[in-house]
Amino acid sequence: MRHQNQPITTTERYQLTGFFILIAIFGFAAFKSTQQYLGMFFIAFVVTIVLYPVYEWIVKKMRIKMLASFTTMVFFIIILVVPLSIVFIIAINQGIALFTQLAQDFSVSETGVKITTFLTETLFPSIVEDASIDINQITHDVTLAIASWLTQTAMYLASNGMQLMIEFGIFLLFLTFFFPEKNVVLTALKDRMPLTESESNFFVDRFAAITKKLSISIIVVPIVDGFLMWFIFTLLGIPGAVFWGVVTGFVSLMPVIGVSLIWIPATIILAIQGNYPQAIIMGLYGLIVMNFADNIVRAWLLKGKNTQVPELVTLLSAIGGIFAFGFFGLFYGPIIVVTFLALLDIYKKRLNHTTTLQTVKTDKKKS
């Protein structure tokens, strides 16, 4: 056995280099083999962290882990997946009908002329002088493009339903496995991290806590904001209330500016159309109810010393995540940034510890 201070031999150096090359090769091969399902794997583990208290309560009643895991999965489908799927389908249908009708209205109706006249003569009078710009035609083309995209989305869901069902089944398979093995997975993660035991515990515990709270906020905040927007749109008789509620839910995932992207344009359009009482109600509702509910619910869900993340960091990481990973980047982005911040905290603690030791040694030498 080699002594601790004995230098590494040439043979051992070659063996170590070959070992890391093997790790790199098989690690890359493992990544390519599982790349298609890594997203579902990660999301399933996140859902497991969120629903684990439910699983613990059920397993106490049933005493059989796999049965409790299956029951928790069914609970997840009935409570969340089915209702949201129904709402999403209704929203798609409403969106197609709404924007198809708007494309026609903007090209032939007085409403379209009124809005475009307001834009050209009041907000942007210089555009009137440019005969090459037809606001009415631009508006028609944009609304028609949105209607076309919604139609293509509906057709994609219909034509790829079997594939989506298979992928969802794989997700549920991961979910059923993770519930009884959640603590085992976290323990294995701690044991294999290149950190001390206390640092591994700190990192994994903080990661799990933030992941859980961010996941809950990503589910609850859009539902609350979407419901509130659906309510006011329905109350004011604005077409496509379910569609705009779903859109509000999506944009609310971006903190600070999310819900404002819906209620502010809605207020302006109502005012342009001359519906001033409705515009005032929408403006006050958005300013007071929507913003207040969004900020309060988000802050309440993310409260805690180890789970608070600056809103600007969350916003920028969510937007960056969309560009890097697509839709799920809204979730991946903040998680990656929070993980990085946790590693920085560990480094800071190490640095402070090293500085303290050096100070103690210096004091001892002086004494």
Protein backbone atom coordinates (compact mmCIF):
# COMPACT_ATOMS: atom_id res chain seq x y z
CA MET A 1 0.00 0.00 0.00
CA ARG A 2 1.40 3.40 -1.01
CA HIS A 3 2.33 5.83 1.75
CA GLN A 4 0.35 9.07 1.91
CA ASN A 5 3.36 11.30 1.13
CA GLN A 6 4.86 8.96 -1.47
CA PRO A 7 4.77 10.48 -5.00
CA ILE A 8 2.52 8.93 -7.65
CA THR A 9 4.39 6.61 -10.00
CA THR A 10 4.17 6.80 -13.78
CA THR A 11 2.12 3.59 -13.89
CA GLU A 12 -0.35 4.92 -11.33
CA ARG A 13 -0.62 8.17 -13.27
CA TYR A 14 -1.46 6.27 -16.47
CA GLN A 15 -3.97 4.14 -14.58
CA LEU A 16 -5.62 7.26 -13.09
CA THR A 17 -5.77 8.93 -16.51
CA GLY A 18 -7.29 5.81 -18.06
CA PHE A 19 -9.79 5.60 -15.23
CA PHE A 20 -11.05 9.16 -15.85
CA ILE A 21 -11.20 8.51 -19.60
CA LEU A 22 -13.40 5.45 -18.95
CA ILE A 23 -15.62 7.51 -16.67
CA ALA A 24 -15.96 10.18 -19.38
CA ILE A 25 -16.71 7.65 -22.13
CA PHE A 26 -19.30 5.65 -20.23
CA GLY A 27 -20.74 8.78 -18.65
CA PHE A 28 -21.32 10.27 -22.09
CA ALA A 29 -22.77 6.96 -23.33
CA ALA A 30 -25.10 6.80 -20.33
CA PHE A 31 -26.21 10.39 -20.97
CA LYS A 32 -26.95 9.69 -24.65
CA SER A 33 -28.85 6.51 -23.74
CA THR A 34 -31.10 8.30 -21.24
CA GLN A 35 -31.17 11.81 -22.74
CA GLN A 36 -34.71 11.50 -24.05
CA TYR A 37 -36.11 10.75 -20.60
CA LEU A 38 -33.86 12.84 -18.34
CA GLY A 39 -36.39 15.68 -18.28
CA MET A 40 -39.21 13.38 -17.18
CA PHE A 41 -36.84 11.71 -14.71
CA PHE A 42 -36.02 15.03 -13.10
CA ILE A 43 -39.63 16.30 -13.09
CA ALA A 44 -40.79 12.99 -11.58
CA PHE A 45 -38.26 13.33 -8.78
CA VAL A 46 -39.39 16.91 -8.16
CA VAL A 47 -43.05 15.82 -8.01
CA THR A 48 -41.97 13.10 -5.58
CA ILE A 49 -40.40 15.69 -3.27
CA VAL A 50 -43.58 17.79 -3.40
CA LEU A 51 -46.02 14.92 -2.82
CA TYR A 52 -43.88 12.93 -0.40
CA PRO A 53 -45.86 14.10 2.69
CA VAL A 54 -49.00 12.71 1.02
CA TYR A 55 -47.21 9.43 0.33
CA GLU A 56 -46.00 9.23 3.95
CA TRP A 57 -49.55 9.72 5.26
CA ILE A 58 -50.95 7.06 2.87
CA VAL A 59 -48.21 4.53 3.62
CA LYS A 60 -49.00 4.82 7.34
CA LYS A 61 -52.58 3.84 6.57
CA MET A 62 -51.87 1.08 4.04
CA ARG A 63 -48.55 -0.30 5.35
CA ILE A 64 -47.63 -1.40 1.81
CA LYS A 65 -45.16 0.92 0.08
CA MET A 66 -45.92 0.07 -3.55
CA LEU A 67 -49.68 0.29 -2.99
CA ALA A 68 -49.23 3.63 -1.23
CA SER A 69 -47.03 4.81 -4.11
CA PHE A 70 -49.67 3.83 -6.67
CA THR A 71 -52.41 5.53 -4.62
CA THR A 72 -50.37 8.75 -4.40
CA MET A 73 -49.87 8.65 -8.16
CA VAL A 74 -53.63 8.27 -8.71
CA PHE A 75 -54.21 11.18 -6.31
CA PHE A 76 -51.81 13.31 -8.37
CA ILE A 77 -53.64 12.45 -11.61
CA ILE A 78 -57.14 13.08 -10.27
CA ILE A 79 -56.37 16.26 -8.34
CA LEU A 80 -54.03 17.99 -10.77
CA VAL A 81 -53.47 16.35 -14.16
CA VAL A 82 -57.09 15.71 -15.22
CA PRO A 83 -58.53 19.13 -14.23
CA LEU A 84 -55.64 21.04 -15.81
CA SER A 85 -55.88 18.96 -19.00
CA ILE A 86 -59.60 19.73 -19.31
CA VAL A 87 -59.02 23.45 -18.73
CA PHE A 88 -56.18 23.46 -21.27
CA ILE A 89 -58.34 21.79 -23.95
CA ILE A 90 -61.16 24.30 -23.35
CA ALA A 91 -58.62 27.15 -23.53
CA ILE A 92 -57.22 25.90 -26.85
CA ASN A 93 -60.71 25.70 -28.36
CA GLN A 94 -61.64 29.15 -27.06
CA GLY A 95 -58.37 30.61 -28.32
CA ILE A 96 -58.88 29.23 -31.83
CA ALA A 97 -62.44 30.59 -31.99
CA LEU A 98 -61.45 33.93 -30.45
CA PHE A 99 -58.51 34.76 -32.71
CA THR A 100 -60.20 33.46 -35.85
CA GLN A 101 -63.10 35.81 -35.14
CA LEU A 102 -60.75 38.68 -34.28
CA ALA A 103 -58.89 38.23 -37.58
CA GLN A 104 -62.21 38.65 -39.39
CA ASP A 105 -63.36 41.54 -37.19
CA PHE A 106 -60.18 43.55 -37.67
CA SER A 107 -60.50 43.29 -41.45
CA VAL A 108 -64.21 44.14 -41.84
CA SER A 109 -65.82 45.40 -38.60
CA GLU A 110 -66.11 48.86 -37.09
CA THR A 111 -64.28 47.63 -33.97
CA GLY A 112 -61.15 47.01 -35.99
CA VAL A 113 -61.38 50.40 -37.69
CA LYS A 114 -61.94 52.12 -34.35
CA ILE A 115 -58.90 50.53 -32.72
CA THR A 116 -56.60 51.09 -35.69
CA THR A 117 -57.84 54.66 -36.12
CA PHE A 118 -57.04 55.34 -32.46
CA LEU A 119 -53.55 53.85 -32.90
CA THR A 120 -52.75 55.77 -36.06
CA GLU A 121 -54.33 59.13 -35.27
CA THR A 122 -53.81 59.39 -31.52
CA LEU A 123 -50.89 57.25 -30.37
CA PHE A 124 -48.82 57.11 -33.57
CA PRO A 125 -49.97 59.93 -35.87
CA SER A 126 -46.74 59.79 -37.87
CA ILE A 127 -47.75 56.35 -39.14
CA VAL A 128 -50.64 57.92 -41.06
CA GLU A 129 -48.12 59.67 -43.29
CA ASP A 130 -46.54 56.34 -44.26
CA ALA A 131 -48.87 54.80 -46.81
CA SER A 132 -46.91 51.55 -46.83
CA ILE A 133 -48.02 50.70 -43.27
CA ASP A 134 -51.49 49.21 -42.89
CA ILE A 135 -52.19 48.73 -39.16
CA ASN A 136 -55.48 47.03 -39.91
CA GLN A 137 -53.79 44.43 -42.13
CA ILE A 138 -50.95 43.92 -39.62
CA THR A 139 -53.46 43.33 -36.82
CA HIS A 140 -55.39 40.92 -39.03
CA ASP A 141 -52.21 38.99 -39.90
CA VAL A 142 -51.06 38.75 -36.26
CA THR A 143 -54.40 37.49 -34.96
CA LEU A 144 -54.66 35.03 -37.85
CA ALA A 145 -51.13 33.76 -37.10
CA ILE A 146 -52.04 33.21 -33.44
CA ALA A 147 -55.20 31.34 -34.45
CA SER A 148 -53.13 29.22 -36.86
CA TRP A 149 -50.59 28.41 -34.14
CA LEU A 150 -53.34 27.38 -31.72
CA THR A 151 -54.89 25.18 -34.41
CA GLN A 152 -51.52 23.54 -35.12
CA THR A 153 -51.05 22.95 -31.38
CA ALA A 154 -54.44 21.26 -31.15
CA MET A 155 -53.66 19.12 -34.22
CA TYR A 156 -50.28 18.15 -32.79
CA LEU A 157 -51.85 17.05 -29.50
CA ALA A 158 -54.46 15.04 -31.40
CA SER A 159 -52.02 13.39 -33.84
CA ASN A 160 -49.33 12.68 -31.22
CA GLY A 161 -51.70 11.61 -28.47
CA MET A 162 -50.36 8.04 -28.34
CA GLN A 163 -46.73 9.19 -28.02
CA LEU A 164 -47.66 11.70 -25.34
CA MET A 165 -49.53 8.97 -23.45
CA ILE A 166 -46.46 6.69 -23.61
CA GLU A 167 -44.19 9.45 -22.32
CA PHE A 168 -46.67 10.24 -19.56
CA GLY A 169 -46.76 6.53 -18.67
CA ILE A 170 -42.95 6.53 -18.36
CA PHE A 171 -43.23 9.60 -16.14
CA LEU A 172 -45.72 7.78 -13.91
CA LEU A 173 -43.38 4.76 -13.80
CA PHE A 174 -40.59 7.00 -12.52
CA LEU A 175 -43.01 8.53 -10.03
CA THR A 176 -44.11 5.13 -8.67
CA PHE A 177 -40.47 4.11 -8.21
CA PHE A 178 -39.36 7.34 -6.54
CA PHE A 179 -41.93 7.49 -3.74
CA PRO A 180 -40.60 4.49 -1.75
CA GLU A 181 -36.97 5.22 -2.77
CA LYS A 182 -36.86 9.00 -2.26
CA ASN A 183 -34.74 8.95 0.91
CA VAL A 184 -32.46 6.28 -0.57
CA VAL A 185 -31.84 8.46 -3.62
CA LEU A 186 -31.08 11.54 -1.52
CA THR A 187 -28.73 9.55 0.73
CA ALA A 188 -26.91 8.12 -2.29
CA LEU A 189 -26.59 11.65 -3.68
CA LYS A 190 -25.08 12.88 -0.42
CA ASP A 191 -22.61 9.98 -0.27
CA ARG A 192 -21.36 10.56 -3.81
CA MET A 193 -20.89 14.30 -3.69
CA PRO A 194 -17.28 15.57 -3.54
CA LEU A 195 -18.07 17.48 -0.33
CA THR A 196 -17.74 16.92 3.38
CA GLU A 197 -20.64 15.26 5.19
CA SER A 198 -21.93 18.53 6.66
CA GLU A 199 -21.60 20.29 3.29
CA SER A 200 -23.41 17.46 1.48
CA ASN A 201 -26.22 17.55 4.03
CA PHE A 202 -26.51 21.34 3.71
CA PHE A 203 -26.49 21.24 -0.09
CA VAL A 204 -29.00 18.40 -0.55
CA ASP A 205 -31.35 19.66 2.18
CA ARG A 206 -31.36 23.17 0.74
CA PHE A 207 -31.78 21.87 -2.81
CA ALA A 208 -34.74 19.70 -1.74
CA ALA A 209 -36.35 22.55 0.24
CA ILE A 210 -36.04 25.12 -2.55
CA THR A 211 -37.08 22.62 -5.23
CA LYS A 212 -40.19 21.74 -3.24
CA LYS A 213 -41.21 25.35 -2.65
CA LEU A 214 -40.45 26.48 -6.19
CA SER A 215 -42.43 23.52 -7.57
CA ILE A 216 -45.42 24.31 -5.38
CA SER A 217 -45.25 27.98 -6.36
CA ILE A 218 -45.05 27.04 -10.07
CA ILE A 219 -48.27 25.06 -9.64
CA VAL A 220 -50.22 27.23 -7.18
CA VAL A 221 -49.39 30.75 -8.41
CA PRO A 222 -50.53 30.14 -12.03
CA ILE A 223 -53.73 28.45 -10.81
CA VAL A 224 -54.56 31.37 -8.47
CA ASP A 225 -53.69 34.06 -11.03
CA GLY A 226 -55.44 32.20 -13.85
CA PHE A 227 -58.60 31.78 -11.77
CA LEU A 228 -58.64 35.46 -10.76
CA MET A 229 -58.21 36.58 -14.38
CA TRP A 230 -60.90 34.14 -15.58
CA PHE A 231 -63.23 35.55 -12.91
CA ILE A 232 -62.85 39.22 -13.93
CA PHE A 233 -63.02 38.44 -17.65
CA THR A 234 -66.21 36.43 -17.09
CA LEU A 235 -67.65 39.19 -14.88
CA LEU A 236 -66.97 41.85 -17.52
CA GLY A 237 -68.22 39.64 -20.35
CA ILE A 238 -64.89 39.56 -22.20
CA PRO A 239 -64.74 36.68 -24.74
CA GLY A 240 -62.33 33.79 -24.19
CA ALA A 241 -62.22 34.01 -20.40
CA VAL A 242 -60.82 30.49 -19.96
CA PHE A 243 -58.20 31.10 -22.66
CA TRP A 244 -57.01 34.33 -21.07
CA GLY A 245 -57.02 32.66 -17.66
CA VAL A 246 -54.67 29.96 -18.97
CA VAL A 247 -52.45 32.55 -20.67
CA THR A 248 -52.32 34.47 -17.38
CA GLY A 249 -51.27 31.29 -15.61
CA PHE A 250 -48.36 30.82 -18.02
CA VAL A 251 -47.11 34.42 -17.90
CA SER A 252 -47.45 34.52 -14.10
CA LEU A 253 -44.52 32.11 -13.96
CA MET A 254 -42.41 35.20 -14.67
CA PRO A 255 -42.43 37.18 -11.40
CA VAL A 256 -42.83 40.96 -11.20
CA ILE A 257 -44.12 41.53 -14.77
CA GLY A 258 -46.13 38.36 -15.45
CA VAL A 259 -49.80 39.17 -14.80
CA SER A 260 -49.32 42.78 -15.91
CA LEU A 261 -48.86 41.52 -19.48
CA ILE A 262 -52.56 40.58 -19.49
CA TRP A 263 -54.52 43.06 -17.39
CA ILE A 264 -52.76 46.22 -18.63
CA PRO A 265 -53.44 45.55 -22.37
CA ALA A 266 -56.97 44.43 -21.48
CA THR A 267 -57.55 47.74 -19.66
CA ILE A 268 -56.17 49.75 -22.60
CA ILE A 269 -58.27 47.89 -25.17
CA LEU A 270 -61.44 48.36 -23.11
CA ALA A 271 -60.70 52.08 -22.88
CA ILE A 272 -60.01 52.30 -26.62
CA GLN A 273 -63.35 50.63 -27.31
CA GLY A 274 -65.07 53.24 -25.15
CA ASN A 275 -65.99 50.81 -22.35
CA TYR A 276 -64.71 53.17 -19.67
CA PRO A 277 -66.51 51.62 -16.63
CA GLN A 278 -65.14 48.19 -17.57
CA ALA A 279 -61.70 49.67 -18.19
CA ILE A 280 -61.67 51.31 -14.75
CA ILE A 281 -62.82 48.08 -13.07
CA MET A 282 -60.18 46.06 -14.95
CA GLY A 283 -57.43 48.56 -14.12
CA LEU A 284 -58.26 48.67 -10.41
CA TYR A 285 -58.73 44.91 -10.25
CA GLY A 286 -55.38 44.30 -11.91
CA LEU A 287 -53.53 46.90 -9.87
CA ILE A 288 -54.96 45.86 -6.50
CA VAL A 289 -56.23 42.28 -6.68
CA MET A 290 -53.98 40.68 -9.33
CA ASN A 291 -50.68 42.24 -8.24
CA PHE A 292 -51.48 41.83 -4.55
CA ALA A 293 -52.52 38.18 -4.89
CA ASP A 294 -49.54 37.35 -7.12
CA ASN A 295 -46.98 38.90 -4.77
CA ILE A 296 -48.55 37.67 -1.53
CA VAL A 297 -49.07 34.07 -2.69
CA ARG A 298 -45.57 33.88 -4.19
CA ALA A 299 -43.94 35.38 -1.07
CA TRP A 300 -45.92 33.08 1.25
CA LEU A 301 -45.00 29.95 -0.71
CA LEU A 302 -41.31 30.87 -0.86
CA LYS A 303 -40.95 32.14 2.69
CA GLY A 304 -38.12 30.74 4.78
CA LYS A 305 -34.51 31.67 5.48
CA ASN A 306 -33.06 29.00 3.18
CA THR A 307 -35.63 29.26 0.39
CA GLN A 308 -35.85 32.97 -0.33
CA VAL A 309 -34.62 33.94 -3.79
CA PRO A 310 -34.45 37.57 -5.02
CA GLU A 311 -37.26 38.24 -7.50
CA LEU A 312 -34.85 39.73 -10.05
CA VAL A 313 -32.74 36.55 -9.93
CA THR A 314 -35.84 34.40 -10.35
CA LEU A 315 -37.07 36.51 -13.27
CA LEU A 316 -33.77 36.54 -15.16
CA SER A 317 -33.10 32.84 -14.56
CA ALA A 318 -36.63 31.94 -15.69
CA ILE A 319 -36.31 33.95 -18.91
CA GLY A 320 -32.82 32.56 -19.54
CA GLY A 321 -34.10 29.06 -18.82
CA ILE A 322 -36.75 29.42 -21.53
CA PHE A 323 -34.11 30.23 -24.16
CA ALA A 324 -31.83 27.42 -22.98
CA PHE A 325 -34.30 24.60 -22.27
CA GLY A 326 -37.65 25.59 -23.75
CA PHE A 327 -40.86 25.78 -21.70
CA PHE A 328 -39.52 23.72 -18.79
CA GLY A 329 -36.68 26.22 -18.55
CA LEU A 330 -39.10 28.32 -16.49
CA PHE A 331 -38.45 25.72 -13.83
CA TYR A 332 -34.92 24.55 -14.69
CA GLY A 333 -33.48 28.08 -14.79
CA PRO A 334 -34.29 29.08 -11.18
CA ILE A 335 -33.29 25.61 -9.89
CA ILE A 336 -29.88 25.82 -11.58
CA VAL A 337 -29.26 29.33 -10.28
CA VAL A 338 -30.35 28.39 -6.75
CA THR A 339 -28.07 25.34 -6.86
CA PHE A 340 -25.18 27.58 -7.91
CA LEU A 341 -25.95 29.98 -5.05
CA ALA A 342 -25.94 27.05 -2.60
CA LEU A 343 -22.48 26.03 -3.84
CA LEU A 344 -21.32 29.63 -3.38
CA ASP A 345 -22.58 29.51 0.22
CA ILE A 346 -20.54 26.35 0.81
CA TYR A 347 -17.47 28.04 -0.67
CA LYS A 348 -18.05 31.08 1.55
CA LYS A 349 -18.23 28.88 4.64
CA ARG A 350 -15.00 27.14 3.64
CA LEU A 351 -13.31 30.47 3.07
CA ASN A 352 -14.46 31.81 6.43
CA HIS A 353 -13.29 28.61 8.13
CA THR A 354 -9.87 28.86 6.49
CA THR A 355 -9.56 32.52 7.45
CA THR A 356 -10.48 31.71 11.05
CA LEU A 357 -7.85 28.96 11.25
CA GLN A 358 -5.18 31.26 9.83
CA THR A 359 -6.13 33.96 12.36
CA VAL A 360 -5.90 31.46 15.24
CA LYS A 361 -2.49 30.26 14.05
CA THR A 362 -1.23 33.84 13.74
CA ASP A 363 -2.46 34.67 17.26
CA LYS A 364 -0.71 31.58 18.65
CA LYS A 365 2.58 32.55 17.02
CA LYS A 366 2.35 36.07 18.44
CA SER A 367 1.64 34.75 21.92
